[in-house]
Amino acid sequence: MKRVSLSVILSLLAISVLIGSAFAAANALLPGSGWWSGETIQNVGSSDATIDITAYDSASSSTFAKSDTIAPGANKVYDPTSFAGMPAGFQGSAIVSSNQDIRAIVTITNRYIPSSGLGDAGSPHFAAGLYQGVNVPNTTIRFALAKNNSFGKTTTFFVQNAGSVAATATATFRLPNAPGGGGVITTYTYTTPSIGPGQMVVVTPTDAGAPSGNGVVGSLTVTSTQPLAGTVLEHFTAETHATLVQATRSATPDDYDIKLFSPNTKNNFFDRFSGLQVQNVDSSPVDVTVVYKGGAFQSGGVNCVGQTYTDSHSALPPGESWTFPSTAIPNKCFASASVTATGNVIGQVNESFLAATVPALHPYQESTVFSTLPSKSGTTIISLPLFKEDSFSKATGTTIQNVGSADTNVTITFKGVAGTFVSQPQLIQPGQGLIILDVRLKPSSFWNGTAMTAALLGCGLGTPTAGCGANGVFSVIVQSDGQPIVAILNETTYPINAPRIQQDKSAYEGFNLTVAP
């Protein structure tokens, strides 16, 4: 059986077949209440997958199980109500086992669901994040970004023991020794209590004695004698009803590389701005160069399609991070980034609305985060376990980046309860990213065979918040005709310019495969 761990946060639930931290004891650490998570598991094998999910309570020896079957290429979604006997307030982690290759992503949110009672019934309650489950844990995991109440934002870390025996973990933060941005980078260390196999613990900068305040921004490394999986949630330090959460998984040595890719970088692109955080995971200082290439989807009068722009930083010390703002590309530009370093690095991208547009145009500061993709992970096949087309007023866009040296064509296959839909080949230049969204509104010429249409999915025919419902949920496989590709997905409310509901944006990275399901 193949296993995956997921680490998630608090109340009621468990995770799936990847390794990651899942439901954690977070109610006392995250702002507000009502946090819950859901897991989407995709079968990327060649036969029906038998899956077994075990959720581990973080405070006791209790476990909760769920078994199911998933067809090749298809996905299924699980939430706390999927686990018989799981009590309200459950906090913990999960491991999923299967007889087929699987991938999973986790949704963490406080959105209130009246039919199940999940979520924060107060208002507002719009926080949401997505992150990958982990297939290959490691005894060393890293996070490129750690904050301790810097400009009102804090990072909380969830660390899961993916091994076979209990063990402690050592968390080493590298943060300024004083707020205000002028402090000396200092090491702060915390050793966790013993973590049982499959279970998880929560770690914060305060646990390690780090200072709190503006400019207390750095990185975290966690080590153990047992393999670990981890998740970081960035959130406002204090809110009565949480409006924001940014989630991504930890990095392991499999993510280290001298070349990284970020498919999506924005400078005031539809009022959104991003920053690329790069951490040196090598033993010596490294020089870092970022090359941006204008993407194939632009608007607002700027034409940066195919144009290149450069930024750099020299002598980044071991263990430390540097942020590259997207001001290196023109205003209103969307681009993909290629990061080259003289030693191994990891990275993540934070994206948010411009401060000038909050709250006038965007009353909730919708923010998201995703990790960069290492060059060595690039393949010609990508798995996207969860893609939405106006599903309950939520939509997904994916940015596919060509990380090869020549033009490539990609074909995108959507599989859901409404059927299977295959695109015509889409051309992407080297280094460039292509945004794919609103596919049910594409002309018939976009499709190879049956066209996905709004009418076919039932969009716009019911109550305003229903959208296409279950018909709008798909698993996706992307294949190129020869060049390696990577991808990230952004989930947002729909319609984008006049959303029927309010909710935080979220993102996750595509999974690169070597064999298509």
Protein backbone atom coordinates (compact mmCIF):
# COMPACT_ATOMS: atom_id res chain seq x y z
CA MET A 1 0.00 0.00 0.00
CA LYS A 2 1.26 3.48 -0.87
CA ARG A 3 0.97 6.12 1.84
CA VAL A 4 0.57 9.85 2.05
CA SER A 5 0.39 12.06 5.10
CA LEU A 6 -1.32 15.37 5.36
CA SER A 7 -1.20 17.86 8.07
CA VAL A 8 -4.11 20.02 8.56
CA ILE A 9 -5.49 22.08 11.23
CA LEU A 10 -7.96 21.72 13.78
CA SER A 11 -11.48 20.80 14.27
CA LEU A 12 -12.92 17.64 12.92
CA LEU A 13 -11.00 15.98 10.28
CA ALA A 14 -8.37 13.89 8.80
CA ILE A 15 -6.23 13.83 5.78
CA SER A 16 -5.33 11.57 2.98
CA VAL A 17 -2.73 9.62 1.21
CA LEU A 18 0.09 12.06 1.24
CA ILE A 19 2.36 13.08 3.94
CA GLY A 20 1.66 16.39 5.36
CA SER A 21 0.28 17.85 8.52
CA ALA A 22 -3.38 17.72 8.76
CA PHE A 23 -5.80 18.80 11.37
CA ALA A 24 -3.80 20.29 14.13
CA ALA A 25 -4.48 21.55 17.58
CA ALA A 26 -4.96 24.99 16.22
CA ASN A 27 -8.10 26.47 17.68
CA ALA A 28 -6.08 27.96 20.49
CA LEU A 29 -3.47 29.29 18.05
CA LEU A 30 -5.42 30.37 14.99
CA PRO A 31 -7.69 33.39 15.26
CA GLY A 32 -11.44 32.93 15.61
CA SER A 33 -13.07 29.51 15.63
CA GLY A 34 -14.78 26.95 13.42
CA TRP A 35 -11.71 25.77 11.49
CA TRP A 36 -12.15 22.56 9.51
CA SER A 37 -10.49 20.86 6.57
CA GLY A 38 -11.43 18.78 3.55
CA GLU A 39 -9.22 16.49 1.48
CA THR A 40 -9.40 15.79 -2.23
CA ILE A 41 -7.72 12.54 -3.27
CA GLN A 42 -6.94 11.81 -6.91
CA ASN A 43 -6.15 8.34 -8.26
CA VAL A 44 -3.26 8.78 -10.70
CA GLY A 45 -2.79 5.03 -11.15
CA SER A 46 -4.03 2.72 -13.91
CA SER A 47 -6.71 0.77 -11.98
CA ASP A 48 -9.37 1.43 -9.36
CA ALA A 49 -7.73 2.62 -6.14
CA THR A 50 -8.71 1.19 -2.78
CA ILE A 51 -7.91 3.87 -0.20
CA ASP A 52 -7.74 3.70 3.58
CA ILE A 53 -7.60 6.98 5.51
CA THR A 54 -6.56 6.98 9.17
CA ALA A 55 -6.99 10.18 11.17
CA TYR A 56 -4.86 10.53 14.32
CA ASP A 57 -6.02 12.60 17.28
CA SER A 58 -3.20 14.93 18.39
CA ALA A 59 -4.18 14.71 22.08
CA SER A 60 -4.91 10.99 22.53
CA SER A 61 -4.43 7.56 20.99
CA SER A 62 -7.83 7.73 19.25
CA THR A 63 -7.99 7.14 15.51
CA PHE A 64 -10.79 7.35 12.95
CA ALA A 65 -10.91 5.49 9.66
CA LYS A 66 -12.47 5.81 6.22
CA SER A 67 -12.19 3.41 3.27
CA ASP A 68 -13.30 4.02 -0.30
CA THR A 69 -12.65 3.30 -3.98
CA ILE A 70 -11.64 5.86 -6.63
CA ALA A 71 -11.57 5.25 -10.39
CA PRO A 72 -8.38 5.95 -12.42
CA GLY A 73 -7.90 9.68 -13.04
CA ALA A 74 -10.90 10.57 -10.86
CA ASN A 75 -11.05 12.29 -7.47
CA LYS A 76 -13.17 12.19 -4.31
CA VAL A 77 -13.57 14.77 -1.55
CA TYR A 78 -13.70 14.03 2.19
CA ASP A 79 -14.50 16.26 5.16
CA PRO A 80 -15.00 15.67 8.92
CA THR A 81 -18.47 14.24 8.31
CA SER A 82 -16.86 11.45 6.25
CA PHE A 83 -15.41 9.84 9.41
CA ALA A 84 -17.83 7.89 11.59
CA GLY A 85 -17.55 8.79 15.26
CA MET A 86 -15.17 11.72 14.79
CA PRO A 87 -16.16 14.19 17.54
CA ALA A 88 -16.65 17.91 17.11
CA GLY A 89 -13.41 19.66 18.01
CA PHE A 90 -11.20 16.86 16.68
CA GLN A 91 -7.66 18.08 16.01
CA GLY A 92 -5.04 15.91 14.43
CA SER A 93 -3.44 14.51 11.28
CA ALA A 94 -4.00 11.71 8.80
CA ILE A 95 -2.30 9.16 6.61
CA VAL A 96 -3.85 7.69 3.48
CA SER A 97 -2.84 4.33 2.06
CA SER A 98 -3.72 2.95 -1.37
CA ASN A 99 -2.95 0.10 -3.75
CA GLN A 100 -2.56 2.72 -6.54
CA ASP A 101 -0.50 5.86 -6.95
CA ILE A 102 -2.45 8.78 -5.48
CA ARG A 103 -2.15 12.53 -4.90
CA ALA A 104 -4.07 14.76 -2.52
CA ILE A 105 -4.65 18.37 -1.64
CA VAL A 106 -6.16 19.77 1.54
CA THR A 107 -8.56 22.69 2.01
CA ILE A 108 -8.45 24.50 5.36
CA THR A 109 -11.25 26.95 6.04
CA ASN A 110 -13.68 28.37 8.61
CA ARG A 111 -16.52 28.80 6.10
CA TYR A 112 -19.85 27.96 7.68
CA ILE A 113 -21.79 25.06 6.15
CA PRO A 114 -25.29 25.10 7.66
CA SER A 115 -26.16 21.57 6.52
CA SER A 116 -23.24 20.04 8.45
CA GLY A 117 -22.65 22.65 11.16
CA LEU A 118 -18.98 22.92 10.14
CA GLY A 119 -17.35 26.33 10.31
CA ASP A 120 -17.73 29.66 12.10
CA ALA A 121 -21.37 30.74 12.15
CA GLY A 122 -20.35 34.32 12.92
CA SER A 123 -19.66 36.91 10.25
CA PRO A 124 -17.34 37.29 8.45
CA HIS A 125 -15.98 33.74 8.14
CA PHE A 126 -14.17 33.68 4.84
CA ALA A 127 -10.68 32.27 5.44
CA ALA A 128 -9.53 29.49 3.07
CA GLY A 129 -6.25 27.88 2.07
CA LEU A 130 -5.07 24.92 -0.04
CA TYR A 131 -1.91 22.83 0.20
CA GLN A 132 -0.43 19.59 -1.07
CA GLY A 133 -0.30 16.35 0.82
CA VAL A 134 3.20 14.88 0.99
CA ASN A 135 4.14 11.59 -0.65
CA VAL A 136 7.80 11.53 0.47
CA PRO A 137 8.51 12.75 4.03
CA ASN A 138 12.01 13.49 5.30
CA THR A 139 13.91 13.83 8.57
CA THR A 140 14.59 17.48 7.63
CA ILE A 141 11.81 19.82 6.49
CA ARG A 142 12.08 23.55 5.77
CA PHE A 143 9.83 26.57 5.51
CA ALA A 144 11.08 29.57 3.52
CA LEU A 145 8.96 32.05 5.49
CA ALA A 146 8.32 32.49 9.22
CA LYS A 147 6.66 35.53 10.83
CA ASN A 148 5.91 36.50 14.41
CA ASN A 149 3.23 39.21 14.43
CA SER A 150 4.97 41.14 11.65
CA PHE A 151 2.51 43.80 10.49
CA GLY A 152 -0.24 41.80 12.12
CA LYS A 153 0.62 38.47 10.43
CA THR A 154 1.87 35.29 12.12
CA THR A 155 2.86 31.83 10.85
CA THR A 156 1.79 28.66 12.67
CA PHE A 157 3.49 25.38 11.77
CA PHE A 158 2.07 21.83 11.93
CA VAL A 159 4.61 19.01 12.08
CA GLN A 160 3.60 15.37 11.60
CA ASN A 161 5.57 12.26 12.52
CA ALA A 162 5.40 10.17 9.34
CA GLY A 163 7.61 7.45 10.82
CA SER A 164 7.01 4.22 12.72
CA VAL A 165 8.09 5.15 16.27
CA ALA A 166 7.59 8.14 18.54
CA ALA A 167 10.17 10.92 18.36
CA THR A 168 10.74 14.57 19.20
CA ALA A 169 11.47 17.24 16.58
CA THR A 170 13.79 20.24 16.80
CA ALA A 171 12.56 23.51 15.28
CA THR A 172 15.23 26.09 14.43
CA PHE A 173 14.03 29.57 13.50
CA ARG A 174 16.31 32.18 11.91
CA LEU A 175 14.74 35.54 12.72
CA PRO A 176 15.82 39.10 13.58
CA ASN A 177 16.54 39.49 17.30
CA ALA A 178 14.45 42.64 17.52
CA PRO A 179 11.39 44.07 15.76
CA GLY A 180 11.59 47.01 13.38
CA GLY A 181 13.70 45.40 10.66
CA GLY A 182 17.04 46.33 12.20
CA GLY A 183 17.70 43.26 14.30
CA VAL A 184 20.56 40.81 13.79
CA ILE A 185 19.55 37.43 12.36
CA THR A 186 19.52 35.07 15.34
CA THR A 187 18.84 31.35 15.83
CA TYR A 188 15.95 30.37 18.10
CA THR A 189 15.42 26.67 18.90
CA TYR A 190 12.49 24.67 20.27
CA THR A 191 12.26 20.92 20.94
CA THR A 192 8.77 19.46 20.71
CA PRO A 193 7.23 16.92 23.05
CA SER A 194 7.33 13.33 21.83
CA ILE A 195 5.17 12.86 18.71
CA GLY A 196 3.54 9.47 18.18
CA PRO A 197 3.59 7.80 14.74
CA GLY A 198 1.06 9.52 12.48
CA GLN A 199 0.41 12.26 15.01
CA MET A 200 1.29 15.94 14.84
CA VAL A 201 2.30 18.89 16.98
CA VAL A 202 2.01 22.66 16.54
CA VAL A 203 5.08 24.91 16.55
CA THR A 204 5.22 28.73 16.64
CA PRO A 205 8.10 31.24 16.75
CA THR A 206 6.99 32.15 20.28
CA ASP A 207 7.62 28.55 21.39
CA ALA A 208 11.29 29.11 20.52
CA GLY A 209 11.45 32.42 22.41
CA ALA A 210 11.59 34.58 19.29
CA PRO A 211 10.64 38.26 19.54
CA SER A 212 7.33 39.55 18.21
CA GLY A 213 6.71 42.60 16.03
CA ASN A 214 7.07 44.23 12.64
CA GLY A 215 10.05 42.94 10.68
CA VAL A 216 10.34 39.66 12.60
CA VAL A 217 10.47 37.66 9.37
CA GLY A 218 12.77 34.75 8.56
CA SER A 219 12.74 30.99 8.03
CA LEU A 220 12.35 27.67 9.85
CA THR A 221 14.07 24.26 9.69
CA VAL A 222 12.69 21.21 11.56
CA THR A 223 14.66 17.98 12.09
CA SER A 224 13.96 14.62 13.72
CA THR A 225 15.19 11.04 13.81
CA GLN A 226 11.87 10.07 12.16
CA PRO A 227 10.59 11.29 8.78
CA LEU A 228 8.40 14.38 9.02
CA ALA A 229 5.74 16.18 7.01
CA GLY A 230 4.65 19.72 7.66
CA THR A 231 2.30 22.56 6.82
CA VAL A 232 2.51 26.28 7.52
CA LEU A 233 -0.54 28.51 7.93
CA GLU A 234 -0.06 32.28 7.78
CA HIS A 235 -2.88 34.30 9.30
CA PHE A 236 -3.71 37.54 11.07
CA THR A 237 -2.39 37.34 14.61
CA ALA A 238 -5.76 38.26 16.12
CA GLU A 239 -9.27 38.30 14.63
CA THR A 240 -12.65 37.58 16.20
CA HIS A 241 -13.76 35.86 12.98
CA ALA A 242 -10.83 34.86 10.78
CA THR A 243 -10.88 36.36 7.27
CA LEU A 244 -7.60 35.05 5.90
CA VAL A 245 -5.30 32.03 5.89
CA GLN A 246 -2.38 31.21 3.56
CA ALA A 247 -1.29 27.57 3.46
CA THR A 248 1.55 25.59 1.91
CA ARG A 249 3.46 22.43 2.73
CA SER A 250 7.03 22.11 3.97
CA ALA A 251 10.00 21.61 1.65
CA THR A 252 12.29 18.58 1.79
CA PRO A 253 15.62 17.86 0.03
CA ASP A 254 13.53 16.71 -2.96
CA ASP A 255 12.57 20.39 -3.37
CA TYR A 256 16.15 21.75 -3.19
CA ASP A 257 17.60 22.87 -6.50
CA ILE A 258 19.83 25.48 -8.10
CA LYS A 259 16.90 26.38 -10.36
CA LEU A 260 13.31 27.04 -9.27
CA PHE A 261 10.16 28.07 -11.10
CA SER A 262 7.18 30.22 -10.17
CA PRO A 263 4.49 29.96 -12.87
CA ASN A 264 2.58 33.03 -11.68
CA THR A 265 3.96 36.46 -10.66
CA LYS A 266 1.85 39.63 -10.70
CA ASN A 267 2.47 43.38 -10.46
CA ASN A 268 -0.91 45.10 -10.03
CA PHE A 269 -2.41 42.47 -12.33
CA PHE A 270 -6.14 42.67 -11.61
CA ASP A 271 -5.15 44.59 -8.44
CA ARG A 272 -2.88 41.79 -7.23
CA PHE A 273 0.78 41.88 -6.27
CA SER A 274 3.22 39.08 -5.40
CA GLY A 275 6.54 38.61 -3.63
CA LEU A 276 8.95 35.71 -4.23
CA GLN A 277 10.76 34.50 -1.10
CA VAL A 278 13.97 32.49 -1.73
CA GLN A 279 15.81 30.64 1.07
CA ASN A 280 19.42 29.45 0.87
CA VAL A 281 19.47 25.79 1.97
CA ASP A 282 23.13 25.33 1.05
CA SER A 283 26.16 25.50 3.34
CA SER A 284 27.73 28.60 1.71
CA PRO A 285 26.42 32.01 0.57
CA VAL A 286 24.65 31.96 -2.79
CA ASP A 287 23.95 34.47 -5.54
CA VAL A 288 20.37 34.45 -6.83
CA THR A 289 19.07 35.70 -10.20
CA VAL A 290 15.39 35.84 -11.15
CA VAL A 291 14.31 36.07 -14.80
CA TYR A 292 10.65 36.92 -15.44
CA LYS A 293 8.93 36.20 -18.75
CA GLY A 294 5.65 37.88 -19.68
CA GLY A 295 2.79 35.40 -19.73
CA ALA A 296 0.37 34.54 -22.50
CA PHE A 297 -2.64 36.14 -20.77
CA GLN A 298 -2.56 39.94 -20.37
CA SER A 299 -5.04 42.78 -20.10
CA GLY A 300 -5.33 46.40 -18.99
CA GLY A 301 -3.35 47.92 -21.85
CA VAL A 302 0.07 46.48 -20.94
CA ASN A 303 1.80 44.20 -23.42
CA CYS A 304 4.55 42.27 -21.67
CA VAL A 305 3.82 38.99 -23.48
CA GLY A 306 7.13 37.25 -24.18
CA GLN A 307 9.20 40.09 -22.68
CA THR A 308 11.92 39.29 -20.11
CA TYR A 309 12.92 41.17 -16.94
CA THR A 310 15.67 40.45 -14.38
CA ASP A 311 16.30 40.90 -10.64
CA SER A 312 19.11 39.58 -8.45
CA HIS A 313 20.61 39.38 -4.96
CA SER A 314 24.19 38.50 -4.02
CA ALA A 315 25.75 36.57 -1.13
CA LEU A 316 22.58 35.30 0.54
CA PRO A 317 23.87 33.59 3.74
CA PRO A 318 23.08 29.92 4.52
CA GLY A 319 19.64 29.46 6.07
CA GLU A 320 18.51 33.01 5.34
CA SER A 321 15.78 34.22 2.97
CA TRP A 322 15.43 37.14 0.55
CA THR A 323 12.24 38.56 -0.94
CA PHE A 324 12.04 39.60 -4.60
CA PRO A 325 9.04 41.95 -5.10
CA SER A 326 7.24 41.82 -8.43
CA THR A 327 8.11 45.46 -9.14
CA ALA A 328 10.81 44.03 -11.41
CA ILE A 329 8.06 43.52 -14.01
CA PRO A 330 5.89 46.33 -15.47
CA ASN A 331 2.69 47.56 -13.86
CA LYS A 332 -0.34 45.44 -14.91
CA CYS A 333 1.95 42.58 -16.00
CA PHE A 334 1.61 38.85 -15.31
CA ALA A 335 4.81 36.82 -15.72
CA SER A 336 6.40 33.50 -14.85
CA ALA A 337 9.68 33.45 -12.92
CA SER A 338 12.78 31.30 -13.33
CA VAL A 339 15.15 31.44 -10.33
CA THR A 340 18.81 30.48 -10.76
CA ALA A 341 21.23 30.25 -7.82
CA THR A 342 24.87 29.30 -7.27
CA GLY A 343 23.76 26.76 -4.65
CA ASN A 344 20.63 24.95 -3.52
CA VAL A 345 17.60 27.09 -2.68
CA ILE A 346 13.86 26.76 -2.02
CA GLY A 347 11.15 29.36 -2.40
CA GLN A 348 7.55 30.40 -2.02
CA VAL A 349 5.34 33.12 -3.48
CA ASN A 350 2.92 35.28 -1.48
CA GLU A 351 0.17 37.04 -3.41
CA SER A 352 -2.36 39.59 -2.21
CA PHE A 353 -4.46 42.55 -3.28
CA LEU A 354 -2.66 45.89 -3.30
CA ALA A 355 -3.14 47.79 -0.04
CA ALA A 356 -4.69 50.69 -1.97
CA THR A 357 -7.58 48.45 -3.07
CA VAL A 358 -8.36 47.11 0.41
CA PRO A 359 -11.02 47.55 1.65
CA ALA A 360 -12.59 49.88 -0.95
CA LEU A 361 -12.57 47.41 -3.86
CA HIS A 362 -11.85 44.21 -1.93
CA PRO A 363 -13.35 44.34 1.57
CA TYR A 364 -11.53 41.18 2.60
CA GLN A 365 -7.79 41.08 2.07
CA GLU A 366 -7.75 37.90 0.07
CA SER A 367 -4.23 36.50 0.07
CA THR A 368 -2.64 33.23 -0.95
CA VAL A 369 0.71 31.45 -1.03
CA PHE A 370 2.29 28.66 -3.05
CA SER A 371 5.72 27.05 -3.20
CA THR A 372 8.15 27.30 -6.10
CA LEU A 373 8.82 24.16 -8.15
CA PRO A 374 12.38 22.78 -8.46
CA SER A 375 13.79 22.20 -11.94
CA LYS A 376 14.37 18.52 -11.23
CA SER A 377 10.63 18.02 -10.63
CA GLY A 378 9.67 19.09 -14.15
CA THR A 379 8.04 16.35 -16.25
CA THR A 380 5.69 16.24 -19.22
CA ILE A 381 2.68 15.22 -17.05
CA ILE A 382 0.99 17.12 -14.21
CA SER A 383 -1.79 16.02 -11.86
CA LEU A 384 -4.26 18.63 -10.54
CA PRO A 385 -6.54 16.85 -8.04
CA LEU A 386 -9.10 19.67 -7.66
CA PHE A 387 -10.37 22.12 -10.31
CA LYS A 388 -13.67 24.04 -10.05
CA GLU A 389 -15.89 25.61 -12.72
CA ASP A 390 -18.37 27.91 -10.95
CA SER A 391 -18.88 25.16 -8.37
CA PHE A 392 -20.93 26.65 -5.55
CA SER A 393 -19.70 30.07 -6.71
CA LYS A 394 -16.01 29.03 -6.65
CA ALA A 395 -13.69 28.88 -9.67
CA THR A 396 -10.17 27.67 -10.39
CA GLY A 397 -7.53 29.02 -12.74
CA THR A 398 -4.30 27.16 -13.44
CA THR A 399 -1.04 28.60 -14.75
CA ILE A 400 1.07 26.10 -16.69
CA GLN A 401 4.73 27.06 -17.19
CA ASN A 402 7.00 25.64 -19.88
CA VAL A 403 10.31 25.05 -18.06
CA GLY A 404 12.05 23.53 -21.08
CA SER A 405 14.22 25.05 -23.78
CA ALA A 406 11.79 24.96 -26.75
CA ASP A 407 8.15 25.68 -27.52
CA THR A 408 5.72 23.05 -26.29
CA ASN A 409 2.04 22.22 -26.67
CA VAL A 410 -0.02 21.10 -23.69
CA THR A 411 -3.27 19.13 -23.66
CA ILE A 412 -5.57 19.41 -20.64
CA THR A 413 -7.99 16.64 -19.65
CA PHE A 414 -10.85 17.39 -17.21
CA LYS A 415 -12.60 14.45 -15.54
CA GLY A 416 -15.75 14.85 -13.41
CA VAL A 417 -19.27 13.61 -12.83
CA ALA A 418 -20.41 15.57 -15.91
CA GLY A 419 -17.99 13.67 -18.15
CA THR A 420 -14.45 13.86 -19.57
CA PHE A 421 -13.39 16.88 -21.63
CA VAL A 422 -10.10 17.24 -23.53
CA SER A 423 -8.62 20.49 -24.84
CA GLN A 424 -6.89 21.05 -28.15
CA PRO A 425 -3.09 21.52 -27.80
CA GLN A 426 -2.15 24.93 -26.32
CA LEU A 427 1.21 26.52 -27.25
CA ILE A 428 3.57 27.82 -24.52
CA GLN A 429 6.99 29.41 -25.13
CA PRO A 430 10.08 28.47 -23.06
CA GLY A 431 9.93 30.03 -19.58
CA GLN A 432 6.43 31.36 -20.23
CA GLY A 433 3.22 30.66 -18.33
CA LEU A 434 -0.26 30.14 -19.76
CA ILE A 435 -3.37 30.84 -17.65
CA ILE A 436 -6.30 28.47 -18.16
CA LEU A 437 -9.66 29.48 -16.60
CA ASP A 438 -13.37 29.70 -17.39
CA VAL A 439 -12.99 26.66 -19.61
CA ARG A 440 -16.76 26.07 -19.75
CA LEU A 441 -16.98 29.43 -21.57
CA LYS A 442 -14.31 28.60 -24.16
CA PRO A 443 -15.37 28.34 -27.83
CA SER A 444 -15.92 24.87 -29.24
CA SER A 445 -12.61 25.24 -31.11
CA PHE A 446 -10.81 24.97 -27.73
CA TRP A 447 -12.04 21.39 -27.33
CA ASN A 448 -11.03 18.12 -28.94
CA GLY A 449 -14.36 16.30 -29.02
CA THR A 450 -17.21 17.13 -26.65
CA ALA A 451 -17.11 20.75 -25.49
CA MET A 452 -17.58 21.60 -21.83
CA THR A 453 -20.31 24.26 -21.69
CA ALA A 454 -22.09 26.18 -18.94
CA ALA A 455 -25.40 24.66 -20.03
CA LEU A 456 -23.98 21.14 -19.87
CA LEU A 457 -22.79 21.72 -16.30
CA GLY A 458 -26.03 23.42 -15.25
CA CYS A 459 -24.35 26.73 -14.46
CA GLY A 460 -26.47 29.76 -13.76
CA LEU A 461 -29.73 27.83 -13.64
CA GLY A 462 -30.24 27.57 -9.89
CA THR A 463 -29.84 29.72 -6.81
CA PRO A 464 -27.06 32.33 -7.05
CA THR A 465 -24.75 30.57 -4.59
CA ALA A 466 -25.17 27.10 -6.10
CA GLY A 467 -23.41 27.61 -9.42
CA CYS A 468 -22.74 24.26 -11.08
CA GLY A 469 -22.43 22.47 -7.75
CA ALA A 470 -20.95 18.98 -8.03
CA ASN A 471 -21.01 19.13 -11.85
CA GLY A 472 -18.35 21.84 -11.71
CA VAL A 473 -15.75 19.78 -9.82
CA PHE A 474 -13.00 18.08 -11.85
CA SER A 475 -9.69 16.30 -11.53
CA VAL A 476 -7.24 17.37 -14.23
CA ILE A 477 -4.26 15.87 -16.06
CA VAL A 478 -1.99 18.16 -18.13
CA GLN A 479 0.38 16.65 -20.71
CA SER A 480 2.99 18.36 -22.89
CA ASP A 481 4.30 17.10 -26.21
CA GLY A 482 7.93 16.98 -25.11
CA GLN A 483 9.10 19.84 -22.88
CA PRO A 484 8.95 19.69 -19.05
CA ILE A 485 6.16 21.72 -17.44
CA VAL A 486 5.07 22.80 -13.95
CA ALA A 487 1.81 24.36 -12.72
CA ILE A 488 0.05 26.12 -9.87
CA LEU A 489 -3.68 26.58 -9.28
CA ASN A 490 -5.57 29.53 -7.81
CA GLU A 491 -9.07 29.12 -6.40
CA THR A 492 -11.27 32.20 -6.07
CA THR A 493 -14.89 33.26 -5.77
CA TYR A 494 -16.96 33.51 -8.92
CA PRO A 495 -17.82 35.66 -10.79
CA ILE A 496 -14.44 37.29 -10.21
CA ASN A 497 -15.59 40.91 -10.62
CA ALA A 498 -18.96 40.55 -8.86
CA PRO A 499 -18.69 37.51 -6.58
CA ARG A 500 -21.88 36.01 -5.19
CA ILE A 501 -20.01 35.07 -2.03
CA GLN A 502 -16.96 36.38 -0.14
CA GLN A 503 -14.02 34.11 0.56
CA ASP A 504 -10.25 34.25 0.81
CA LYS A 505 -8.29 33.12 -2.24
CA SER A 506 -6.19 29.94 -2.10
CA ALA A 507 -3.58 28.13 -4.22
CA TYR A 508 -1.70 24.87 -4.50
CA GLU A 509 1.06 23.39 -6.67
CA GLY A 510 0.43 20.77 -9.34
CA PHE A 511 1.96 17.31 -8.89
CA ASN A 512 4.45 16.26 -11.55
CA LEU A 513 4.05 12.63 -12.71
CA THR A 514 6.13 10.34 -14.89
CA VAL A 515 3.19 8.22 -16.07
CA ALA A 516 -0.32 9.43 -16.92
CA PRO A 517 -3.31 7.61 -15.35
